[in-house]
Amino acid sequence: MTATASIREQGRATMSSSRRLADIRVADSVFNFQLSTFNFQLPLLACAACFGQSDSPLAHGFNWGIISLLGVVIGVLGAFSTFFVFLAKRSAMVATSASQTTMQSAQTPSATDHSRPTTD
């Protein structure tokens, strides 16, 4: 009984020491992040679009980038919707031709009887 109790205590001791070590590592990494973030205080510079200079070349490039990306999105969505319109028209055409074929075969009396050769 004492052997199993001592093994359990050793397991708890190593578990608690590993937890303490992990807690220390997390605390050190958080401290290092805060130190590196707040210690190096560089001035933050806004871009021309955010700062308000709408006549600068950077703002014009920003606007053309937005327009070109909008054109790409509209083009892709247009192609996607055109494809589905094409599929709808094609399925309607196939359904119409299938119904006409069915109606023609129902109107002609036994078209398969004429195709068989007769042995008289």
PDB file of N, CA and C in Angstrom:
ATOM      1  N   MET A   1       0.802  -1.184   0.000  1.00  0.00           N
ATOM      2  CA  MET A   1       0.000   0.000   0.000  1.00  0.00           C
ATOM      3  C   MET A   1       0.853   1.259   0.000  1.00  0.00           C
ATOM      4  N   THR A   2       1.889   1.231   0.657  1.00  0.00           N
ATOM      5  CA  THR A   2       2.745   2.419   0.715  1.00  0.00           C
ATOM      6  C   THR A   2       3.434   2.666  -0.620  1.00  0.00           C
ATOM      7  N   ALA A   3       3.705   1.574  -1.368  1.00  0.00           N
ATOM      8  CA  ALA A   3       4.372   1.744  -2.663  1.00  0.00           C
ATOM      9  C   ALA A   3       3.446   2.441  -3.649  1.00  0.00           C
ATOM     10  N   THR A   4       2.174   2.021  -3.664  1.00  0.00           N
ATOM     11  CA  THR A   4       1.244   2.671  -4.592  1.00  0.00           C
ATOM     12  C   THR A   4       0.957   4.099  -4.171  1.00  0.00           C
ATOM     13  N   ALA A   5       0.906   4.349  -2.888  1.00  0.00           N
ATOM     14  CA  ALA A   5       0.664   5.712  -2.415  1.00  0.00           C
ATOM     15  C   ALA A   5       1.819   6.620  -2.795  1.00  0.00           C
ATOM     16  N   SER A   6       3.047   6.125  -2.684  1.00  0.00           N
ATOM     17  CA  SER A   6       4.195   6.964  -3.032  1.00  0.00           C
ATOM     18  C   SER A   6       4.256   7.219  -4.540  1.00  0.00           C
ATOM     19  N   ILE A   7       3.827   6.221  -5.349  1.00  0.00           N
ATOM     20  CA  ILE A   7       3.804   6.419  -6.803  1.00  0.00           C
ATOM     21  C   ILE A   7       2.783   7.483  -7.162  1.00  0.00           C
ATOM     22  N   ARG A   8       1.617   7.440  -6.490  1.00  0.00           N
ATOM     23  CA  ARG A   8       0.594   8.456  -6.744  1.00  0.00           C
ATOM     24  C   ARG A   8       1.090   9.837  -6.366  1.00  0.00           C
ATOM     25  N   GLU A   9       1.778   9.939  -5.253  1.00  0.00           N
ATOM     26  CA  GLU A   9       2.288  11.241  -4.815  1.00  0.00           C
ATOM     27  C   GLU A   9       3.347  11.763  -5.771  1.00  0.00           C
ATOM     28  N   GLN A  10       4.184  10.854  -6.292  1.00  0.00           N
ATOM     29  CA  GLN A  10       5.205  11.286  -7.247  1.00  0.00           C
ATOM     30  C   GLN A  10       4.548  11.770  -8.544  1.00  0.00           C
ATOM     31  N   GLY A  11       3.504  11.060  -8.970  1.00  0.00           N
ATOM     32  CA  GLY A  11       2.781  11.471 -10.174  1.00  0.00           C
ATOM     33  C   GLY A  11       2.138  12.824  -9.999  1.00  0.00           C
ATOM     34  N   ARG A  12       1.556  13.056  -8.823  1.00  0.00           N
ATOM     35  CA  ARG A  12       0.945  14.360  -8.554  1.00  0.00           C
ATOM     36  C   ARG A  12       1.998  15.447  -8.478  1.00  0.00           C
ATOM     37  N   ALA A  13       3.136  15.126  -7.906  1.00  0.00           N
ATOM     38  CA  ALA A  13       4.202  16.129  -7.786  1.00  0.00           C
ATOM     39  C   ALA A  13       4.746  16.500  -9.163  1.00  0.00           C
ATOM     40  N   THR A  14       4.952  15.516 -10.027  1.00  0.00           N
ATOM     41  CA  THR A  14       5.461  15.845 -11.367  1.00  0.00           C
ATOM     42  C   THR A  14       4.398  16.567 -12.175  1.00  0.00           C
ATOM     43  N   MET A  15       3.108  16.194 -11.982  1.00  0.00           N
ATOM     44  CA  MET A  15       2.046  16.861 -12.711  1.00  0.00           C
ATOM     45  C   MET A  15       1.937  18.310 -12.281  1.00  0.00           C
ATOM     46  N   SER A  16       1.996  18.563 -10.991  1.00  0.00           N
ATOM     47  CA  SER A  16       1.870  19.929 -10.511  1.00  0.00           C
ATOM     48  C   SER A  16       3.102  20.746 -10.886  1.00  0.00           C
ATOM     49  N   SER A  17       4.285  20.135 -10.898  1.00  0.00           N
ATOM     50  CA  SER A  17       5.467  20.891 -11.295  1.00  0.00           C
ATOM     51  C   SER A  17       5.443  21.196 -12.788  1.00  0.00           C
ATOM     52  N   SER A  18       4.919  20.268 -13.598  1.00  0.00           N
ATOM     53  CA  SER A  18       4.822  20.544 -15.034  1.00  0.00           C
ATOM     54  C   SER A  18       3.766  21.620 -15.298  1.00  0.00           C
ATOM     55  N   ARG A  19       2.704  21.619 -14.500  1.00  0.00           N
ATOM     56  CA  ARG A  19       1.698  22.683 -14.649  1.00  0.00           C
ATOM     57  C   ARG A  19       2.289  24.031 -14.260  1.00  0.00           C
ATOM     58  N   ARG A  20       3.046  24.043 -13.193  1.00  0.00           N
ATOM     59  CA  ARG A  20       3.676  25.295 -12.775  1.00  0.00           C
ATOM     60  C   ARG A  20       4.643  25.795 -13.852  1.00  0.00           C
ATOM     61  N   LEU A  21       5.386  24.875 -14.442  1.00  0.00           N
ATOM     62  CA  LEU A  21       6.334  25.243 -15.478  1.00  0.00           C
ATOM     63  C   LEU A  21       5.588  25.782 -16.707  1.00  0.00           C
ATOM     64  N   ALA A  22       4.472  25.153 -17.065  1.00  0.00           N
ATOM     65  CA  ALA A  22       3.682  25.638 -18.197  1.00  0.00           C
ATOM     66  C   ALA A  22       3.084  27.003 -17.899  1.00  0.00           C
ATOM     67  N   ASP A  23       2.598  27.207 -16.669  1.00  0.00           N
ATOM     68  CA  ASP A  23       2.055  28.510 -16.289  1.00  0.00           C
ATOM     69  C   ASP A  23       3.128  29.588 -16.352  1.00  0.00           C
ATOM     70  N   ILE A  24       4.334  29.240 -15.941  1.00  0.00           N
ATOM     71  CA  ILE A  24       5.435  30.210 -15.981  1.00  0.00           C
ATOM     72  C   ILE A  24       5.777  30.544 -17.430  1.00  0.00           C
ATOM     73  N   ARG A  25       5.787  29.536 -18.303  1.00  0.00           N
ATOM     74  CA  ARG A  25       6.092  29.790 -19.715  1.00  0.00           C
ATOM     75  C   ARG A  25       5.037  30.687 -20.356  1.00  0.00           C
ATOM     76  N   VAL A  26       3.773  30.457 -20.039  1.00  0.00           N
ATOM     77  CA  VAL A  26       2.703  31.290 -20.586  1.00  0.00           C
ATOM     78  C   VAL A  26       2.835  32.719 -20.053  1.00  0.00           C
ATOM     79  N   ALA A  27       3.090  32.850 -18.769  1.00  0.00           N
ATOM     80  CA  ALA A  27       3.234  34.172 -18.184  1.00  0.00           C
ATOM     81  C   ALA A  27       4.439  34.903 -18.783  1.00  0.00           C
ATOM     82  N   ASP A  28       5.535  34.186 -19.013  1.00  0.00           N
ATOM     83  CA  ASP A  28       6.713  34.807 -19.615  1.00  0.00           C
ATOM     84  C   ASP A  28       6.432  35.243 -21.040  1.00  0.00           C
ATOM     85  N   SER A  29       5.728  34.415 -21.804  1.00  0.00           N
ATOM     86  CA  SER A  29       5.451  34.783 -23.191  1.00  0.00           C
ATOM     87  C   SER A  29       4.502  35.982 -23.260  1.00  0.00           C
ATOM     88  N   VAL A  30       3.515  36.046 -22.367  1.00  0.00           N
ATOM     89  CA  VAL A  30       2.608  37.195 -22.337  1.00  0.00           C
ATOM     90  C   VAL A  30       3.376  38.444 -21.947  1.00  0.00           C
ATOM     91  N   PHE A  31       4.248  38.328 -20.967  1.00  0.00           N
ATOM     92  CA  PHE A  31       5.047  39.473 -20.535  1.00  0.00           C
ATOM     93  C   PHE A  31       5.962  39.951 -21.661  1.00  0.00           C
ATOM     94  N   ASN A  32       6.590  39.016 -22.360  1.00  0.00           N
ATOM     95  CA  ASN A  32       7.474  39.394 -23.464  1.00  0.00           C
ATOM     96  C   ASN A  32       6.693  40.057 -24.595  1.00  0.00           C
ATOM     97  N   PHE A  33       5.492  39.584 -24.875  1.00  0.00           N
ATOM     98  CA  PHE A  33       4.668  40.208 -25.910  1.00  0.00           C
ATOM     99  C   PHE A  33       4.294  41.629 -25.513  1.00  0.00           C
ATOM    100  N   GLN A  34       3.871  41.798 -24.271  1.00  0.00           N
ATOM    101  CA  GLN A  34       3.505  43.137 -23.812  1.00  0.00           C
ATOM    102  C   GLN A  34       4.711  44.063 -23.828  1.00  0.00           C
ATOM    103  N   LEU A  35       5.851  43.555 -23.406  1.00  0.00           N
ATOM    104  CA  LEU A  35       7.062  44.371 -23.384  1.00  0.00           C
ATOM    105  C   LEU A  35       7.464  44.784 -24.791  1.00  0.00           C
ATOM    106  N   SER A  36       7.417  43.842 -25.727  1.00  0.00           N
ATOM    107  CA  SER A  36       7.823  44.180 -27.088  1.00  0.00           C
ATOM    108  C   SER A  36       6.802  45.091 -27.769  1.00  0.00           C
ATOM    109  N   THR A  37       5.531  44.963 -27.421  1.00  0.00           N
ATOM    110  CA  THR A  37       4.510  45.788 -28.045  1.00  0.00           C
ATOM    111  C   THR A  37       4.540  47.216 -27.516  1.00  0.00           C
ATOM    112  N   PHE A  38       4.625  47.379 -26.234  1.00  0.00           N
ATOM    113  CA  PHE A  38       4.531  48.706 -25.643  1.00  0.00           C
ATOM    114  C   PHE A  38       5.878  49.412 -25.534  1.00  0.00           C
ATOM    115  N   ASN A  39       6.952  48.674 -25.635  1.00  0.00           N
ATOM    116  CA  ASN A  39       8.269  49.292 -25.515  1.00  0.00           C
ATOM    117  C   ASN A  39       8.650  50.009 -26.806  1.00  0.00           C
ATOM    118  N   PHE A  40       8.264  49.465 -27.939  1.00  0.00           N
ATOM    119  CA  PHE A  40       8.618  50.058 -29.215  1.00  0.00           C
ATOM    120  C   PHE A  40       7.439  50.870 -29.742  1.00  0.00           C
ATOM    121  N   GLN A  41       7.271  52.050 -29.245  1.00  0.00           N
ATOM    122  CA  GLN A  41       6.147  52.881 -29.648  1.00  0.00           C
ATOM    123  C   GLN A  41       6.565  53.734 -30.836  1.00  0.00           C
ATOM    124  N   LEU A  42       6.249  53.249 -32.024  1.00  0.00           N
ATOM    125  CA  LEU A  42       6.531  53.975 -33.246  1.00  0.00           C
ATOM    126  C   LEU A  42       5.303  54.792 -33.619  1.00  0.00           C
ATOM    127  N   PRO A  43       5.507  55.911 -34.283  1.00  0.00           N
ATOM    128  CA  PRO A  43       4.321  56.674 -34.705  1.00  0.00           C
ATOM    129  C   PRO A  43       3.554  55.919 -35.782  1.00  0.00           C
ATOM    130  N   LEU A  44       2.261  55.893 -35.647  1.00  0.00           N
ATOM    131  CA  LEU A  44       1.420  55.208 -36.616  1.00  0.00           C
ATOM    132  C   LEU A  44       1.038  56.195 -37.718  1.00  0.00           C
ATOM    133  N   LEU A  45       1.285  55.797 -38.955  1.00  0.00           N
ATOM    134  CA  LEU A  45       1.000  56.663 -40.084  1.00  0.00           C
ATOM    135  C   LEU A  45      -0.158  56.066 -40.876  1.00  0.00           C
ATOM    136  N   ALA A  46      -1.186  56.864 -41.092  1.00  0.00           N
ATOM    137  CA  ALA A  46      -2.332  56.403 -41.849  1.00  0.00           C
ATOM    138  C   ALA A  46      -2.061  56.570 -43.337  1.00  0.00           C
ATOM    139  N   CYS A  47      -2.719  55.747 -44.153  1.00  0.00           N
ATOM    140  CA  CYS A  47      -2.560  55.874 -45.600  1.00  0.00           C
ATOM    141  C   CYS A  47      -3.357  57.089 -46.082  1.00  0.00           C
ATOM    142  N   ALA A  48      -3.165  57.425 -47.340  1.00  0.00           N
ATOM    143  CA  ALA A  48      -3.826  58.612 -47.886  1.00  0.00           C
ATOM    144  C   ALA A  48      -5.337  58.462 -47.911  1.00  0.00           C
ATOM    145  N   ALA A  49      -5.821  57.244 -48.139  1.00  0.00           N
ATOM    146  CA  ALA A  49      -7.268  57.031 -48.175  1.00  0.00           C
ATOM    147  C   ALA A  49      -7.889  57.226 -46.796  1.00  0.00           C
ATOM    148  N   CYS A  50      -7.189  56.780 -45.755  1.00  0.00           N
ATOM    149  CA  CYS A  50      -7.718  56.926 -44.399  1.00  0.00           C
ATOM    150  C   CYS A  50      -7.468  58.330 -43.845  1.00  0.00           C
ATOM    151  N   PHE A  51      -6.395  58.944 -44.261  1.00  0.00           N
ATOM    152  CA  PHE A  51      -6.014  60.234 -43.702  1.00  0.00           C
ATOM    153  C   PHE A  51      -6.848  61.365 -44.262  1.00  0.00           C
ATOM    154  N   GLY A  52      -7.367  61.188 -45.468  1.00  0.00           N
ATOM    155  CA  GLY A  52      -8.250  62.199 -46.019  1.00  0.00           C
ATOM    156  C   GLY A  52      -7.703  62.923 -47.217  1.00  0.00           C
ATOM    157  N   GLN A  53      -6.520  62.591 -47.717  1.00  0.00           N
ATOM    158  CA  GLN A  53      -5.986  63.231 -48.913  1.00  0.00           C
ATOM    159  C   GLN A  53      -6.484  62.459 -50.130  1.00  0.00           C
ATOM    160  N   SER A  54      -7.643  62.842 -50.620  1.00  0.00           N
ATOM    161  CA  SER A  54      -8.256  62.077 -51.700  1.00  0.00           C
ATOM    162  C   SER A  54      -7.662  62.407 -53.065  1.00  0.00           C
ATOM    163  N   ASP A  55      -6.777  63.386 -53.164  1.00  0.00           N
ATOM    164  CA  ASP A  55      -6.187  63.720 -54.454  1.00  0.00           C
ATOM    165  C   ASP A  55      -4.778  63.147 -54.626  1.00  0.00           C
ATOM    166  N   SER A  56      -4.322  62.343 -53.699  1.00  0.00           N
ATOM    167  CA  SER A  56      -2.983  61.775 -53.800  1.00  0.00           C
ATOM    168  C   SER A  56      -2.992  60.560 -54.729  1.00  0.00           C
ATOM    169  N   PRO A  57      -1.840  60.186 -55.291  1.00  0.00           N
ATOM    170  CA  PRO A  57      -1.780  59.006 -56.168  1.00  0.00           C
ATOM    171  C   PRO A  57      -2.126  57.706 -55.432  1.00  0.00           C
ATOM    172  N   LEU A  58      -1.822  57.652 -54.148  1.00  0.00           N
ATOM    173  CA  LEU A  58      -2.161  56.459 -53.385  1.00  0.00           C
ATOM    174  C   LEU A  58      -3.669  56.291 -53.280  1.00  0.00           C
ATOM    175  N   ALA A  59      -4.401  57.380 -53.089  1.00  0.00           N
ATOM    176  CA  ALA A  59      -5.857  57.310 -53.008  1.00  0.00           C
ATOM    177  C   ALA A  59      -6.453  56.918 -54.359  1.00  0.00           C
ATOM    178  N   HIS A  60      -5.891  57.445 -55.458  1.00  0.00           N
ATOM    179  CA  HIS A  60      -6.381  57.072 -56.781  1.00  0.00           C
ATOM    180  C   HIS A  60      -6.130  55.589 -57.061  1.00  0.00           C
ATOM    181  N   GLY A  61      -4.964  55.092 -56.686  1.00  0.00           N
ATOM    182  CA  GLY A  61      -4.668  53.670 -56.855  1.00  0.00           C
ATOM    183  C   GLY A  61      -5.584  52.806 -56.015  1.00  0.00           C
ATOM    184  N   PHE A  62      -5.869  53.280 -54.809  1.00  0.00           N
ATOM    185  CA  PHE A  62      -6.779  52.557 -53.919  1.00  0.00           C
ATOM    186  C   PHE A  62      -8.170  52.462 -54.549  1.00  0.00           C
ATOM    187  N   ASN A  63      -8.633  53.578 -55.094  1.00  0.00           N
ATOM    188  CA  ASN A  63      -9.959  53.583 -55.737  1.00  0.00           C
ATOM    189  C   ASN A  63      -9.987  52.687 -56.970  1.00  0.00           C
ATOM    190  N   TRP A  64      -8.935  52.703 -57.794  1.00  0.00           N
ATOM    191  CA  TRP A  64      -8.893  51.835 -58.970  1.00  0.00           C
ATOM    192  C   TRP A  64      -8.813  50.363 -58.566  1.00  0.00           C
ATOM    193  N   GLY A  65      -8.151  50.079 -57.468  1.00  0.00           N
ATOM    194  CA  GLY A  65      -8.115  48.698 -56.959  1.00  0.00           C
ATOM    195  C   GLY A  65      -9.502  48.215 -56.559  1.00  0.00           C
ATOM    196  N   ILE A  66     -10.253  49.075 -55.911  1.00  0.00           N
ATOM    197  CA  ILE A  66     -11.616  48.718 -55.516  1.00  0.00           C
ATOM    198  C   ILE A  66     -12.481  48.497 -56.748  1.00  0.00           C
ATOM    199  N   ILE A  67     -12.361  49.376 -57.740  1.00  0.00           N
ATOM    200  CA  ILE A  67     -13.162  49.256 -58.956  1.00  0.00           C
ATOM    201  C   ILE A  67     -12.813  47.975 -59.711  1.00  0.00           C
ATOM    202  N   SER A  68     -11.519  47.665 -59.802  1.00  0.00           N
ATOM    203  CA  SER A  68     -11.128  46.453 -60.536  1.00  0.00           C
ATOM    204  C   SER A  68     -11.590  45.186 -59.818  1.00  0.00           C
ATOM    205  N   LEU A  69     -11.493  45.159 -58.507  1.00  0.00           N
ATOM    206  CA  LEU A  69     -11.978  43.990 -57.770  1.00  0.00           C
ATOM    207  C   LEU A  69     -13.495  43.851 -57.886  1.00  0.00           C
ATOM    208  N   LEU A  70     -14.189  44.971 -57.890  1.00  0.00           N
ATOM    209  CA  LEU A  70     -15.637  44.938 -58.070  1.00  0.00           C
ATOM    210  C   LEU A  70     -15.983  44.418 -59.458  1.00  0.00           C
ATOM    211  N   GLY A  71     -15.202  44.810 -60.473  1.00  0.00           N
ATOM    212  CA  GLY A  71     -15.426  44.305 -61.827  1.00  0.00           C
ATOM    213  C   GLY A  71     -15.209  42.807 -61.923  1.00  0.00           C
ATOM    214  N   VAL A  72     -14.196  42.294 -61.233  1.00  0.00           N
ATOM    215  CA  VAL A  72     -13.934  40.852 -61.244  1.00  0.00           C
ATOM    216  C   VAL A  72     -15.086  40.096 -60.581  1.00  0.00           C
ATOM    217  N   VAL A  73     -15.551  40.590 -59.468  1.00  0.00           N
ATOM    218  CA  VAL A  73     -16.651  39.928 -58.760  1.00  0.00           C
ATOM    219  C   VAL A  73     -17.916  39.929 -59.616  1.00  0.00           C
ATOM    220  N   ILE A  74     -18.223  41.053 -60.245  1.00  0.00           N
ATOM    221  CA  ILE A  74     -19.415  41.130 -61.092  1.00  0.00           C
ATOM    222  C   ILE A  74     -19.275  40.193 -62.289  1.00  0.00           C
ATOM    223  N   GLY A  75     -18.079  40.128 -62.875  1.00  0.00           N
ATOM    224  CA  GLY A  75     -17.854  39.227 -64.002  1.00  0.00           C
ATOM    225  C   GLY A  75     -18.045  37.765 -63.636  1.00  0.00           C
ATOM    226  N   VAL A  76     -17.512  37.357 -62.494  1.00  0.00           N
ATOM    227  CA  VAL A  76     -17.642  35.956 -62.062  1.00  0.00           C
ATOM    228  C   VAL A  76     -19.099  35.624 -61.745  1.00  0.00           C
ATOM    229  N   LEU A  77     -19.782  36.517 -61.050  1.00  0.00           N
ATOM    230  CA  LEU A  77     -21.193  36.261 -60.740  1.00  0.00           C
ATOM    231  C   LEU A  77     -22.048  36.258 -62.001  1.00  0.00           C
ATOM    232  N   GLY A  78     -21.725  37.114 -62.959  1.00  0.00           N
ATOM    233  CA  GLY A  78     -22.456  37.129 -64.227  1.00  0.00           C
ATOM    234  C   GLY A  78     -22.260  35.835 -64.992  1.00  0.00           C
ATOM    235  N   ALA A  79     -21.018  35.335 -65.042  1.00  0.00           N
ATOM    236  CA  ALA A  79     -20.750  34.071 -65.726  1.00  0.00           C
ATOM    237  C   ALA A  79     -21.467  32.920 -65.030  1.00  0.00           C
ATOM    238  N   PHE A  80     -21.486  32.931 -63.729  1.00  0.00           N
ATOM    239  CA  PHE A  80     -22.154  31.891 -62.956  1.00  0.00           C
ATOM    240  C   PHE A  80     -23.649  31.882 -63.239  1.00  0.00           C
ATOM    241  N   SER A  81     -24.271  33.051 -63.218  1.00  0.00           N
ATOM    242  CA  SER A  81     -25.714  33.113 -63.469  1.00  0.00           C
ATOM    243  C   SER A  81     -26.031  32.791 -64.927  1.00  0.00           C
ATOM    244  N   THR A  82     -25.169  33.201 -65.870  1.00  0.00           N
ATOM    245  CA  THR A  82     -25.375  32.872 -67.279  1.00  0.00           C
ATOM    246  C   THR A  82     -25.324  31.367 -67.492  1.00  0.00           C
ATOM    247  N   PHE A  83     -24.431  30.686 -66.790  1.00  0.00           N
ATOM    248  CA  PHE A  83     -24.348  29.234 -66.898  1.00  0.00           C
ATOM    249  C   PHE A  83     -25.633  28.573 -66.426  1.00  0.00           C
ATOM    250  N   PHE A  84     -26.210  29.061 -65.348  1.00  0.00           N
ATOM    251  CA  PHE A  84     -27.447  28.458 -64.857  1.00  0.00           C
ATOM    252  C   PHE A  84     -28.631  28.776 -65.772  1.00  0.00           C
ATOM    253  N   VAL A  85     -28.638  29.955 -66.398  1.00  0.00           N
ATOM    254  CA  VAL A  85     -29.683  30.256 -67.376  1.00  0.00           C
ATOM    255  C   VAL A  85     -29.550  29.313 -68.569  1.00  0.00           C
ATOM    256  N   PHE A  86     -28.312  29.071 -69.013  1.00  0.00           N
ATOM    257  CA  PHE A  86     -28.063  28.130 -70.099  1.00  0.00           C
ATOM    258  C   PHE A  86     -28.560  26.734 -69.744  1.00  0.00           C
ATOM    259  N   LEU A  87     -28.275  26.275 -68.522  1.00  0.00           N
ATOM    260  CA  LEU A  87     -28.747  24.955 -68.091  1.00  0.00           C
ATOM    261  C   LEU A  87     -30.268  24.886 -68.054  1.00  0.00           C
ATOM    262  N   ALA A  88     -30.921  25.956 -67.610  1.00  0.00           N
ATOM    263  CA  ALA A  88     -32.392  25.959 -67.551  1.00  0.00           C
ATOM    264  C   ALA A  88     -32.980  25.891 -68.949  1.00  0.00           C
ATOM    265  N   LYS A  89     -32.416  26.657 -69.889  1.00  0.00           N
ATOM    266  CA  LYS A  89     -32.919  26.621 -71.261  1.00  0.00           C
ATOM    267  C   LYS A  89     -32.687  25.249 -71.898  1.00  0.00           C
ATOM    268  N   ARG A  90     -31.535  24.672 -71.642  1.00  0.00           N
ATOM    269  CA  ARG A  90     -31.210  23.360 -72.218  1.00  0.00           C
ATOM    270  C   ARG A  90     -32.154  22.288 -71.669  1.00  0.00           C
ATOM    271  N   SER A  91     -32.428  22.324 -70.364  1.00  0.00           N
ATOM    272  CA  SER A  91     -33.334  21.321 -69.795  1.00  0.00           C
ATOM    273  C   SER A  91     -34.756  21.507 -70.312  1.00  0.00           C
ATOM    274  N   ALA A  92     -35.176  22.756 -70.535  1.00  0.00           N
ATOM    275  CA  ALA A  92     -36.508  22.989 -71.096  1.00  0.00           C
ATOM    276  C   ALA A  92     -36.575  22.479 -72.528  1.00  0.00           C
ATOM    277  N   MET A  93     -35.493  22.670 -73.303  1.00  0.00           N
ATOM    278  CA  MET A  93     -35.464  22.201 -74.678  1.00  0.00           C
ATOM    279  C   MET A  93     -35.505  20.667 -74.730  1.00  0.00           C
ATOM    280  N   VAL A  94     -34.763  20.008 -73.852  1.00  0.00           N
ATOM    281  CA  VAL A  94     -34.749  18.549 -73.819  1.00  0.00           C
ATOM    282  C   VAL A  94     -36.115  18.012 -73.389  1.00  0.00           C
ATOM    283  N   ALA A  95     -36.736  18.663 -72.419  1.00  0.00           N
ATOM    284  CA  ALA A  95     -38.048  18.212 -71.958  1.00  0.00           C
ATOM    285  C   ALA A  95     -39.096  18.371 -73.063  1.00  0.00           C
ATOM    286  N   THR A  96     -39.010  19.467 -73.814  1.00  0.00           N
ATOM    287  CA  THR A  96     -39.953  19.693 -74.909  1.00  0.00           C
ATOM    288  C   THR A  96     -39.773  18.650 -76.010  1.00  0.00           C
ATOM    289  N   SER A  97     -38.520  18.382 -76.382  1.00  0.00           N
ATOM    290  CA  SER A  97     -38.282  17.390 -77.436  1.00  0.00           C
ATOM    291  C   SER A  97     -38.661  15.985 -76.967  1.00  0.00           C
ATOM    292  N   ALA A  98     -38.485  15.683 -75.708  1.00  0.00           N
ATOM    293  CA  ALA A  98     -38.869  14.371 -75.186  1.00  0.00           C
ATOM    294  C   ALA A  98     -40.387  14.213 -75.195  1.00  0.00           C
ATOM    295  N   SER A  99     -41.102  15.284 -74.858  1.00  0.00           N
ATOM    296  CA  SER A  99     -42.566  15.188 -74.852  1.00  0.00           C
ATOM    297  C   SER A  99     -43.104  15.089 -76.276  1.00  0.00           C
ATOM    298  N   GLN A 100     -42.465  15.782 -77.235  1.00  0.00           N
ATOM    299  CA  GLN A 100     -42.897  15.673 -78.630  1.00  0.00           C
ATOM    300  C   GLN A 100     -42.633  14.275 -79.177  1.00  0.00           C
ATOM    301  N   THR A 101     -41.494  13.702 -78.810  1.00  0.00           N
ATOM    302  CA  THR A 101     -41.174  12.348 -79.247  1.00  0.00           C
ATOM    303  C   THR A 101     -42.160  11.349 -78.673  1.00  0.00           C
ATOM    304  N   THR A 102     -42.533  11.526 -77.441  1.00  0.00           N
ATOM    305  CA  THR A 102     -43.499  10.636 -76.793  1.00  0.00           C
ATOM    306  C   THR A 102     -44.864  10.761 -77.454  1.00  0.00           C
ATOM    307  N   MET A 103     -45.263  11.995 -77.789  1.00  0.00           N
ATOM    308  CA  MET A 103     -46.564  12.193 -78.426  1.00  0.00           C
ATOM    309  C   MET A 103     -46.576  11.605 -79.834  1.00  0.00           C
ATOM    310  N   GLN A 104     -45.482  11.731 -80.565  1.00  0.00           N
ATOM    311  CA  GLN A 104     -45.426  11.179 -81.925  1.00  0.00           C
ATOM    312  C   GLN A 104     -45.457   9.654 -81.897  1.00  0.00           C
ATOM    313  N   SER A 105     -44.767   9.063 -80.950  1.00  0.00           N
ATOM    314  CA  SER A 105     -44.773   7.598 -80.873  1.00  0.00           C
ATOM    315  C   SER A 105     -46.132   7.080 -80.428  1.00  0.00           C
ATOM    316  N   ALA A 106     -46.881   7.856 -79.667  1.00  0.00           N
ATOM    317  CA  ALA A 106     -48.211   7.427 -79.254  1.00  0.00           C
ATOM    318  C   ALA A 106     -49.201   7.551 -80.406  1.00  0.00           C
ATOM    319  N   GLN A 107     -48.992   8.519 -81.310  1.00  0.00           N
ATOM    320  CA  GLN A 107     -49.912   8.727 -82.413  1.00  0.00           C
ATOM    321  C   GLN A 107     -49.696   7.702 -83.535  1.00  0.00           C
ATOM    322  N   THR A 108     -48.485   7.284 -83.815  1.00  0.00           N
ATOM    323  CA  THR A 108     -48.240   6.310 -84.877  1.00  0.00           C
ATOM    324  C   THR A 108     -48.529   4.916 -84.358  1.00  0.00           C
ATOM    325  N   PRO A 109     -49.362   4.167 -85.053  1.00  0.00           N
ATOM    326  CA  PRO A 109     -49.704   2.829 -84.555  1.00  0.00           C
ATOM    327  C   PRO A 109     -48.590   1.841 -84.854  1.00  0.00           C
ATOM    328  N   SER A 110     -48.094   1.275 -83.836  1.00  0.00           N
ATOM    329  CA  SER A 110     -47.094   0.208 -83.829  1.00  0.00           C
ATOM    330  C   SER A 110     -46.025   0.386 -84.906  1.00  0.00           C
ATOM    331  N   ALA A 111     -45.188   1.346 -84.678  1.00  0.00           N
ATOM    332  CA  ALA A 111     -44.118   1.626 -85.628  1.00  0.00           C
ATOM    333  C   ALA A 111     -43.096   0.507 -85.617  1.00  0.00           C
ATOM    334  N   THR A 112     -43.033  -0.250 -84.592  1.00  0.00           N
ATOM    335  CA  THR A 112     -42.059  -1.329 -84.516  1.00  0.00           C
ATOM    336  C   THR A 112     -42.494  -2.542 -85.320  1.00  0.00           C
ATOM    337  N   ASP A 113     -43.798  -2.704 -85.622  1.00  0.00           N
ATOM    338  CA  ASP A 113     -44.267  -3.848 -86.390  1.00  0.00           C
ATOM    339  C   ASP A 113     -43.791  -3.784 -87.854  1.00  0.00           C
ATOM    340  N   HIS A 114     -43.665  -2.596 -88.396  1.00  0.00           N
ATOM    341  CA  HIS A 114     -43.221  -2.436 -89.775  1.00  0.00           C
ATOM    342  C   HIS A 114     -41.734  -2.713 -89.934  1.00  0.00           C
ATOM    343  N   SER A 115     -41.006  -2.597 -88.876  1.00  0.00           N
ATOM    344  CA  SER A 115     -39.568  -2.789 -88.973  1.00  0.00           C
ATOM    345  C   SER A 115     -39.192  -4.278 -88.944  1.00  0.00           C
ATOM    346  N   ARG A 116     -40.074  -5.137 -88.513  1.00  0.00           N
ATOM    347  CA  ARG A 116     -39.778  -6.564 -88.465  1.00  0.00           C
ATOM    348  C   ARG A 116     -39.943  -7.193 -89.851  1.00  0.00           C
ATOM    349  N   PRO A 117     -39.041  -8.028 -90.256  1.00  0.00           N
ATOM    350  CA  PRO A 117     -39.220  -8.694 -91.553  1.00  0.00           C
ATOM    351  C   PRO A 117     -40.291  -9.785 -91.445  1.00  0.00           C
ATOM    352  N   THR A 118     -41.039  -9.916 -92.485  1.00  0.00           N
ATOM    353  CA  THR A 118     -42.086 -10.940 -92.496  1.00  0.00           C
ATOM    354  C   THR A 118     -41.588 -12.158 -93.227  1.00  0.00           C
ATOM    355  N   THR A 119     -41.974 -13.321 -92.759  1.00  0.00           N
ATOM    356  CA  THR A 119     -41.577 -14.588 -93.397  1.00  0.00           C
ATOM    357  C   THR A 119     -42.818 -15.254 -93.951  1.00  0.00           C
ATOM    358  N   ASP A 120     -43.202 -14.960 -95.153  1.00  0.00           N
ATOM    359  CA  ASP A 120     -44.398 -15.553 -95.787  1.00  0.00           C
ATOM    360  C   ASP A 120     -44.057 -16.679 -96.691  1.00  0.00           C
TER     361      ASP A 120
END
